[in-house]
Protein backbone atom coordinates (compact mmCIF):
# COMPACT_ATOMS: atom_id res chain seq x y z
CA MET A 1 -0.07 0.04 -0.07
CA PHE A 2 1.30 3.53 -0.73
CA ALA A 3 -0.04 6.99 -0.65
CA VAL A 4 0.73 10.37 -2.33
CA VAL A 5 0.93 13.05 0.26
CA LYS A 6 1.35 16.86 0.05
CA ILE A 7 4.00 18.12 2.57
CA ALA A 8 5.14 21.77 2.66
CA GLY A 9 3.96 22.18 -0.98
CA GLN A 10 5.67 19.05 -2.39
CA GLN A 11 4.17 15.87 -3.22
CA PHE A 12 6.02 12.44 -1.82
CA LYS A 13 4.95 8.81 -2.55
CA VAL A 14 5.17 7.28 0.81
CA GLN A 15 5.11 3.61 2.14
CA GLN A 16 4.88 2.42 5.69
CA GLY A 17 8.45 2.18 7.19
CA GLN A 18 10.07 4.55 4.54
CA ASN A 19 12.41 7.35 5.56
CA LEU A 20 12.08 10.63 3.87
CA TYR A 21 13.98 13.96 3.81
CA VAL A 22 11.33 16.74 3.59
CA PRO A 23 11.39 20.74 3.78
CA HIS A 24 11.75 21.92 7.24
CA LEU A 25 8.80 21.15 9.57
CA SER A 26 8.46 22.57 12.94
CA GLY A 27 8.74 20.05 15.71
CA LYS A 28 11.44 18.08 17.69
CA ALA A 29 13.03 14.68 17.25
CA GLY A 30 10.63 12.00 18.48
CA ASP A 31 7.49 14.10 17.80
CA ALA A 32 4.61 12.36 15.74
CA LEU A 33 3.06 14.04 12.79
CA GLU A 34 -0.26 13.45 11.20
CA LEU A 35 -0.25 14.23 7.43
CA SER A 36 -3.82 14.62 6.55
CA ASN A 37 -3.38 16.36 3.04
CA VAL A 38 -3.50 12.79 1.03
CA LEU A 39 -3.81 13.26 -2.70
CA LEU A 40 -4.04 9.43 -3.57
CA THR A 41 -4.03 5.92 -2.15
CA ASP A 42 -3.61 2.51 -3.59
CA ASN A 43 -3.84 -0.75 -1.56
CA GLY A 44 -3.13 -3.09 -4.47
CA ASP A 45 -6.73 -3.75 -6.06
CA SER A 46 -8.29 -0.21 -5.65
CA ILE A 47 -7.15 3.53 -6.21
CA ALA A 48 -8.76 6.34 -4.44
CA THR A 49 -8.32 10.17 -5.01
CA GLY A 50 -9.89 13.23 -4.25
CA ASP A 51 -12.88 13.25 -1.81
CA ASP A 52 -12.99 9.37 -1.48
CA ILE A 53 -9.94 9.28 0.62
CA LYS A 54 -10.63 8.73 4.36
CA ILE A 55 -6.88 7.71 5.06
CA LYS A 56 -4.42 9.67 7.37
CA VAL A 57 -0.67 9.14 7.25
CA LYS A 58 1.25 9.02 10.59
CA ALA A 59 5.00 9.92 10.66
CA GLU A 60 7.81 10.43 13.29
CA ILE A 61 10.31 13.09 13.33
CA ILE A 62 13.77 11.48 13.41
CA ASP A 63 16.13 14.54 13.15
CA GLU A 64 16.74 17.94 11.38
CA VAL A 65 19.46 18.25 8.98
CA GLN A 66 21.08 20.72 6.50
CA GLY A 67 21.41 19.93 2.74
CA ASP A 68 24.56 20.47 0.54
CA LYS A 69 25.93 24.02 0.22
CA VAL A 70 24.65 25.96 -2.45
CA ILE A 71 26.61 28.91 -4.02
CA ALA A 72 25.17 31.95 -5.62
CA PHE A 73 27.79 33.78 -7.52
CA LYS A 74 27.18 37.15 -9.36
CA MET A 75 29.60 39.09 -11.59
CA LYS A 76 29.48 41.98 -13.82
CA ARG A 77 32.20 41.69 -16.60
CA ARG A 78 34.62 44.61 -16.88
CA LYS A 79 33.22 46.26 -13.86
CA GLY A 80 35.12 44.45 -10.99
CA PHE A 81 31.78 43.52 -9.26
CA ARG A 82 31.76 40.18 -7.76
CA LYS A 83 29.52 38.82 -5.21
CA LYS A 84 29.53 35.22 -3.58
CA HIS A 85 26.75 34.06 -1.33
CA GLY A 86 25.93 30.67 -0.06
CA HIS A 87 23.35 28.86 1.96
CA ARG A 88 22.32 25.43 3.20
CA THR A 89 18.60 24.35 3.14
CA LEU A 90 17.16 22.78 6.35
CA TYR A 91 15.34 19.62 5.97
CA THR A 92 13.58 17.25 8.32
CA HIS A 93 14.24 13.65 8.35
CA ILE A 94 11.02 11.75 8.94
CA ARG A 95 9.91 7.90 9.22
CA ILE A 96 6.46 6.98 7.98
CA THR A 97 4.92 4.80 10.73
CA ASP A 98 1.32 3.82 9.63
CA ILE A 99 -0.89 4.59 6.63
CA ALA A 100 -4.51 4.07 8.20
């Protein structure tokens, strides 16, 4: 059984026991989440979408991590203008505990 869930504006295909890195969510390690924005479910013999879905996905926050460094470099030729800026995006590591 799997479900397609919308988390922080992005869609993820999830199964029970799966680990995911999703955009930063509020909460601490060990907290439980309930993802109610389910777009599609499939249990092998039937597919449900839209208003037919009565399923909620439960997850647990494992950790908060940072992504790889992203460098933004701006330059104007012949002017001597150079600007270098970098950042690391925050992600939340979650485990899907139940689809019910």
